[in-house]
Amino acid sequence: MSATKNVGYIGLGNIGKPSARHLIGGDYRAHVYDVFQPAVAELAEMGAIACDSVAQLAGSCTHIGVCVRDDAQVDSVLYGTDGILENAAADTLVAIHSTVTRDALLRWSADAARQGIVLIDAAISGGAQGAEQGTLCYMVGGDADIVARARPVFETSADSVIHAGELGTGLLLKLCNNLITYAEFMAMSEAARLAQAGGLSVDLLREVGKSNGVVNESMHQFISNRNALAASCSEQEMVDIFGAYGQLGEKDLDCALASAREMKIDLPSTARLREVVYDLFLNKA
């Protein structure tokens, strides 16, 4: 446990902030950083150590979780004079929680290794609610001994820590899971539209779907809420409410398609889903 006593968390969004909060107290000293300083201040009031820069955090911690939006943001915290790779000590463990491209992950790992730093992928599923409740699922790729070293940190905010295999397999598992989620979203959205056009209640669709295991209850609730808002909101209001979800869907599916191209396989339905996922969230597709 002592090897990861000082744990850093970079990226304090709707998953990162509650995940970092679970590290406060107990066996860990939580160091936190985000460009949005109010999030840092909030955790500092709870007992976390507020860092003014990535460099300060990197120089203080032996385990660093990175939970930012995309490849470019991970690049920004890893590289440069203020970055993790320039400021972390040898044998520091860096866990990438972001949904990113596999090519970038392999590049980061190789660059980290040249600095004596260990980098693994530790993708997260469970959303903001799972982060708040400490019931996330971590999908981890890396050597077994490194994953075992990181596991106690992950377990502070998780119900499940799955070692998928070698570097990159945790990320790939997350991309596959995301693909299923977005495909289910499209299928349930269109099924609801068809049912309503034929005069059926969506609740009847839910009842049948629950009986045979087809309907995901949380997905049903999300779609019902989206449809209710679409009936009363302007197009701009829908963009304000759901646009960020649509952009995230585009980014996640881009990562899946990039991995497919690297593996020389074709995912034609995923490519079509990528074209419409933003409009799906706005109830326009």
Protein backbone atom coordinates (compact mmCIF):
# COMPACT_ATOMS: atom_id res chain seq x y z
CA MET A 1 0.00 0.00 0.00
CA SER A 2 2.81 2.42 0.79
CA ALA A 3 3.92 2.52 -2.86
CA THR A 4 0.71 4.35 -3.79
CA LYS A 5 0.19 6.37 -0.60
CA ASN A 6 0.26 9.70 -2.44
CA VAL A 7 -2.29 9.37 -5.23
CA GLY A 8 -2.92 12.07 -7.82
CA TYR A 9 -6.03 12.65 -9.91
CA ILE A 10 -6.08 14.91 -12.97
CA GLY A 11 -9.44 15.77 -14.50
CA LEU A 12 -12.25 16.50 -12.05
CA GLY A 13 -15.36 16.20 -14.19
CA ASN A 14 -18.55 14.31 -13.42
CA ILE A 15 -16.61 11.04 -13.07
CA GLY A 16 -13.19 12.29 -12.04
CA LYS A 17 -14.30 14.50 -9.15
CA PRO A 18 -16.29 11.85 -7.23
CA SER A 19 -13.65 9.23 -7.99
CA ALA A 20 -10.99 11.50 -6.52
CA ARG A 21 -13.22 12.22 -3.54
CA HIS A 22 -13.27 8.51 -2.66
CA LEU A 23 -9.48 8.69 -2.25
CA ILE A 24 -9.67 11.32 0.48
CA GLY A 25 -8.83 9.99 3.90
CA GLY A 26 -8.05 6.44 4.88
CA ASP A 27 -4.91 4.99 3.36
CA TYR A 28 -4.33 7.70 0.77
CA ARG A 29 -3.36 11.32 0.46
CA ALA A 30 -5.27 12.60 -2.55
CA HIS A 31 -3.60 15.26 -4.72
CA VAL A 32 -5.93 16.84 -7.29
CA TYR A 33 -5.62 19.10 -10.33
CA ASP A 34 -7.98 20.49 -12.93
CA VAL A 35 -7.94 23.59 -15.10
CA PHE A 36 -11.35 24.35 -13.53
CA GLN A 37 -10.11 25.51 -10.17
CA PRO A 38 -13.49 25.51 -8.33
CA ALA A 39 -13.51 21.71 -8.62
CA VAL A 40 -10.05 21.61 -7.05
CA ALA A 41 -11.15 23.96 -4.27
CA GLU A 42 -14.22 21.83 -3.54
CA LEU A 43 -12.13 18.71 -2.99
CA ALA A 44 -9.53 20.66 -1.02
CA GLU A 45 -12.25 21.63 1.43
CA MET A 46 -12.90 17.90 1.93
CA GLY A 47 -9.25 17.19 2.65
CA ALA A 48 -7.56 16.73 -0.73
CA ILE A 49 -4.26 18.47 -1.49
CA ALA A 50 -4.89 21.14 -4.13
CA CYS A 51 -2.22 21.35 -6.83
CA ASP A 52 -1.59 24.45 -8.89
CA SER A 53 -0.10 22.54 -11.81
CA VAL A 54 0.34 19.10 -13.32
CA ALA A 55 4.04 19.35 -12.47
CA GLN A 56 3.32 19.85 -8.77
CA LEU A 57 1.01 16.86 -8.68
CA ALA A 58 3.33 14.64 -10.73
CA GLY A 59 6.27 15.36 -8.47
CA SER A 60 4.31 14.39 -5.36
CA CYS A 61 2.59 11.13 -6.31
CA THR A 62 3.46 7.52 -7.06
CA HIS A 63 0.08 6.77 -8.68
CA ILE A 64 -1.60 9.27 -11.03
CA GLY A 65 -5.04 8.85 -12.56
CA VAL A 66 -5.79 10.82 -15.71
CA CYS A 67 -9.48 11.35 -16.49
CA VAL A 68 -9.69 14.01 -19.21
CA ARG A 69 -11.71 14.19 -22.40
CA ASP A 70 -9.63 12.94 -25.33
CA ASP A 71 -6.23 12.25 -26.89
CA ALA A 72 -5.32 15.93 -27.12
CA GLN A 73 -6.04 16.58 -23.45
CA VAL A 74 -4.05 13.52 -22.37
CA ASP A 75 -1.16 14.80 -24.52
CA SER A 76 -1.37 18.14 -22.74
CA VAL A 77 -0.96 16.62 -19.27
CA LEU A 78 1.73 14.09 -20.24
CA TYR A 79 4.09 16.25 -22.29
CA GLY A 80 5.96 19.52 -21.94
CA THR A 81 7.95 21.06 -19.13
CA ASP A 82 4.86 21.02 -16.89
CA GLY A 83 3.83 17.50 -17.91
CA ILE A 84 3.82 14.21 -16.06
CA LEU A 85 6.65 12.68 -18.06
CA GLU A 86 9.02 15.54 -17.22
CA ASN A 87 8.15 15.72 -13.53
CA ALA A 88 7.16 12.30 -12.20
CA ALA A 89 9.72 10.08 -10.52
CA ALA A 90 10.81 6.77 -12.00
CA ASP A 91 8.39 3.91 -11.26
CA THR A 92 5.42 6.26 -10.97
CA LEU A 93 2.26 4.50 -12.18
CA VAL A 94 0.05 6.47 -14.56
CA ALA A 95 -3.46 5.15 -15.22
CA ILE A 96 -5.27 6.52 -18.27
CA HIS A 97 -9.00 6.51 -17.52
CA SER A 98 -9.99 8.48 -20.62
CA THR A 99 -11.60 6.89 -23.68
CA VAL A 100 -8.91 7.48 -26.29
CA THR A 101 -7.39 5.91 -29.39
CA ARG A 102 -5.24 2.81 -29.11
CA ASP A 103 -2.45 4.31 -31.23
CA ALA A 104 -2.12 7.21 -28.80
CA LEU A 105 -2.15 4.89 -25.79
CA LEU A 106 0.71 2.80 -27.17
CA ARG A 107 2.70 5.95 -27.94
CA TRP A 108 2.18 7.30 -24.42
CA SER A 109 3.23 3.99 -22.88
CA ALA A 110 6.44 3.84 -24.92
CA ASP A 111 7.34 7.43 -24.10
CA ALA A 112 6.61 6.85 -20.41
CA ALA A 113 8.77 3.72 -20.36
CA ARG A 114 11.72 5.72 -21.66
CA GLN A 115 11.38 7.88 -18.54
CA GLY A 116 11.07 4.86 -16.26
CA ILE A 117 7.36 5.56 -15.75
CA VAL A 118 4.71 2.82 -15.98
CA LEU A 119 1.56 3.64 -17.96
CA ILE A 120 -1.55 1.46 -18.17
CA ASP A 121 -5.07 1.84 -19.52
CA ALA A 122 -7.87 1.74 -16.95
CA ALA A 123 -11.08 2.65 -18.74
CA ILE A 124 -14.16 3.33 -16.66
CA SER A 125 -17.81 2.34 -17.02
CA GLY A 126 -20.69 3.28 -14.74
CA GLY A 127 -21.10 6.98 -15.39
CA ALA A 128 -21.47 9.82 -12.95
CA GLN A 129 -23.88 7.89 -10.74
CA GLY A 130 -21.46 4.98 -10.42
CA ALA A 131 -18.66 7.38 -9.59
CA GLU A 132 -20.74 9.05 -6.88
CA GLN A 133 -21.74 5.71 -5.38
CA GLY A 134 -18.32 4.10 -5.72
CA THR A 135 -19.69 1.35 -7.97
CA LEU A 136 -17.67 1.88 -11.15
CA CYS A 137 -16.25 -0.88 -13.32
CA TYR A 138 -12.57 -0.48 -14.25
CA MET A 139 -11.37 -2.29 -17.38
CA VAL A 140 -7.59 -2.46 -17.14
CA GLY A 141 -4.87 -3.34 -19.62
CA GLY A 142 -1.28 -3.96 -18.55
CA ASP A 143 1.08 -6.42 -16.89
CA ALA A 144 -0.52 -8.40 -14.08
CA ASP A 145 1.88 -7.15 -11.41
CA ILE A 146 1.25 -3.52 -12.34
CA VAL A 147 -2.51 -4.04 -12.36
CA ALA A 148 -2.26 -5.66 -8.93
CA ARG A 149 -0.36 -2.61 -7.70
CA ALA A 150 -3.05 -0.25 -9.01
CA ARG A 151 -6.06 -2.33 -7.97
CA PRO A 152 -6.40 -1.01 -4.37
CA VAL A 153 -6.59 2.55 -5.69
CA PHE A 154 -9.25 1.62 -8.25
CA GLU A 155 -11.25 -0.27 -5.65
CA THR A 156 -11.87 2.92 -3.68
CA SER A 157 -14.44 3.87 -6.34
CA ALA A 158 -15.31 0.50 -7.91
CA ASP A 159 -17.45 -2.56 -7.53
CA SER A 160 -15.46 -4.35 -10.20
CA VAL A 161 -11.88 -4.20 -11.47
CA ILE A 162 -11.40 -6.36 -14.57
CA HIS A 163 -7.91 -7.15 -15.83
CA ALA A 164 -8.65 -7.52 -19.54
CA GLY A 165 -5.10 -8.46 -20.56
CA GLU A 166 -2.11 -6.65 -22.04
CA LEU A 167 -1.80 -2.92 -22.56
CA GLY A 168 -4.71 -1.60 -24.63
CA THR A 169 -7.18 -4.38 -23.89
CA GLY A 170 -8.95 -2.46 -21.14
CA LEU A 171 -9.49 0.41 -23.55
CA LEU A 172 -10.69 -1.96 -26.27
CA LEU A 173 -13.17 -3.56 -23.86
CA LYS A 174 -14.55 -0.10 -23.05
CA LEU A 175 -14.86 0.77 -26.74
CA CYS A 176 -16.81 -2.45 -27.36
CA ASN A 177 -19.05 -1.73 -24.38
CA ASN A 178 -19.67 1.81 -25.62
CA LEU A 179 -20.53 0.52 -29.09
CA ILE A 180 -23.19 -1.76 -27.62
CA THR A 181 -24.58 1.09 -25.52
CA TYR A 182 -24.94 3.51 -28.45
CA ALA A 183 -26.40 0.80 -30.71
CA GLU A 184 -28.95 -0.03 -28.01
CA PHE A 185 -29.75 3.66 -27.69
CA MET A 186 -30.48 3.90 -31.41
CA ALA A 187 -32.59 0.72 -31.44
CA MET A 188 -34.68 1.74 -28.44
CA SER A 189 -35.13 5.29 -29.76
CA GLU A 190 -36.43 4.06 -33.09
CA ALA A 191 -38.57 1.34 -31.50
CA ALA A 192 -40.20 3.96 -29.28
CA ARG A 193 -40.86 6.18 -32.31
CA LEU A 194 -42.42 3.28 -34.24
CA ALA A 195 -44.57 2.26 -31.28
CA GLN A 196 -45.87 5.78 -30.72
CA ALA A 197 -46.58 6.29 -34.42
CA GLY A 198 -48.78 3.19 -34.30
CA GLY A 199 -50.67 4.39 -31.25
CA LEU A 200 -48.85 2.21 -28.71
CA SER A 201 -47.66 3.37 -25.33
CA VAL A 202 -43.91 3.28 -24.82
CA ASP A 203 -44.71 1.77 -21.41
CA LEU A 204 -46.13 -1.29 -23.20
CA LEU A 205 -42.87 -1.60 -25.11
CA ARG A 206 -41.02 -1.37 -21.81
CA GLU A 207 -43.24 -4.05 -20.22
CA VAL A 208 -42.62 -6.52 -23.04
CA GLY A 209 -38.93 -5.66 -23.21
CA LYS A 210 -38.45 -6.20 -19.49
CA SER A 211 -40.15 -9.60 -19.67
CA ASN A 212 -37.69 -10.89 -22.27
CA GLY A 213 -34.62 -8.98 -21.12
CA VAL A 214 -34.40 -6.73 -24.19
CA VAL A 215 -35.09 -3.39 -22.52
CA ASN A 216 -32.47 -1.67 -20.38
CA GLU A 217 -34.38 0.22 -17.70
CA SER A 218 -31.93 3.10 -17.36
CA MET A 219 -31.85 3.50 -21.16
CA HIS A 220 -35.67 3.52 -21.22
CA GLN A 221 -35.72 6.28 -18.62
CA PHE A 222 -33.13 8.34 -20.50
CA ILE A 223 -35.10 8.10 -23.76
CA SER A 224 -38.40 8.88 -22.02
CA ASN A 225 -36.88 11.97 -20.43
CA ARG A 226 -35.31 13.04 -23.73
CA ASN A 227 -38.63 12.65 -25.56
CA ALA A 228 -40.50 14.62 -22.91
CA LEU A 229 -37.97 17.44 -23.12
CA ALA A 230 -38.03 17.41 -26.92
CA ALA A 231 -41.79 18.02 -26.81
CA SER A 232 -41.38 21.19 -24.76
CA CYS A 233 -37.90 22.55 -25.57
CA SER A 234 -36.60 24.56 -28.49
CA GLU A 235 -33.90 23.09 -30.72
CA GLN A 236 -31.27 25.26 -29.03
CA GLU A 237 -32.43 24.13 -25.60
CA MET A 238 -32.04 20.50 -26.71
CA VAL A 239 -28.51 21.30 -27.89
CA ASP A 240 -27.76 22.91 -24.54
CA ILE A 241 -29.06 19.85 -22.64
CA PHE A 242 -27.91 16.96 -24.84
CA GLY A 243 -25.27 18.36 -27.19
CA ALA A 244 -22.36 17.37 -24.95
CA TYR A 245 -23.66 13.78 -24.83
CA GLY A 246 -23.82 13.72 -28.61
CA GLN A 247 -20.28 15.02 -28.95
CA LEU A 248 -19.07 12.38 -26.51
CA GLY A 249 -20.83 9.71 -28.57
CA GLU A 250 -19.09 10.93 -31.71
CA LYS A 251 -15.71 10.87 -29.98
CA ASP A 252 -16.22 7.39 -28.51
CA LEU A 253 -17.36 5.91 -31.83
CA ASP A 254 -14.45 7.61 -33.63
CA CYS A 255 -12.11 5.78 -31.23
CA ALA A 256 -13.84 2.46 -31.95
CA LEU A 257 -13.63 2.99 -35.70
CA ALA A 258 -9.97 3.97 -35.46
CA SER A 259 -9.24 0.73 -33.58
CA ALA A 260 -11.14 -1.23 -36.23
CA ARG A 261 -9.07 0.34 -39.01
CA GLU A 262 -5.88 -0.51 -37.14
CA MET A 263 -7.04 -4.14 -36.86
CA LYS A 264 -8.10 -4.13 -40.52
CA ILE A 265 -11.73 -4.98 -39.84
CA ASP A 266 -14.87 -3.27 -41.14
CA LEU A 267 -17.65 -2.01 -38.87
CA PRO A 268 -20.20 -0.62 -41.35
CA SER A 269 -23.09 -0.34 -38.88
CA THR A 270 -20.86 1.48 -36.41
CA ALA A 271 -19.85 3.91 -39.14
CA ARG A 272 -23.52 4.63 -39.83
CA LEU A 273 -24.22 5.02 -36.12
CA ARG A 274 -21.36 7.53 -35.89
CA GLU A 275 -23.08 9.65 -38.54
CA VAL A 276 -26.33 9.94 -36.58
CA VAL A 277 -25.40 9.64 -32.90
CA TYR A 278 -25.38 13.39 -32.27
CA ASP A 279 -28.84 13.80 -33.76
CA LEU A 280 -30.04 10.78 -31.77
CA PHE A 281 -29.37 12.60 -28.54
CA LEU A 282 -31.30 15.60 -29.84
CA ASN A 283 -34.21 13.36 -30.92
CA LYS A 284 -33.66 14.35 -34.54
CA ALA A 285 -32.63 10.95 -35.93
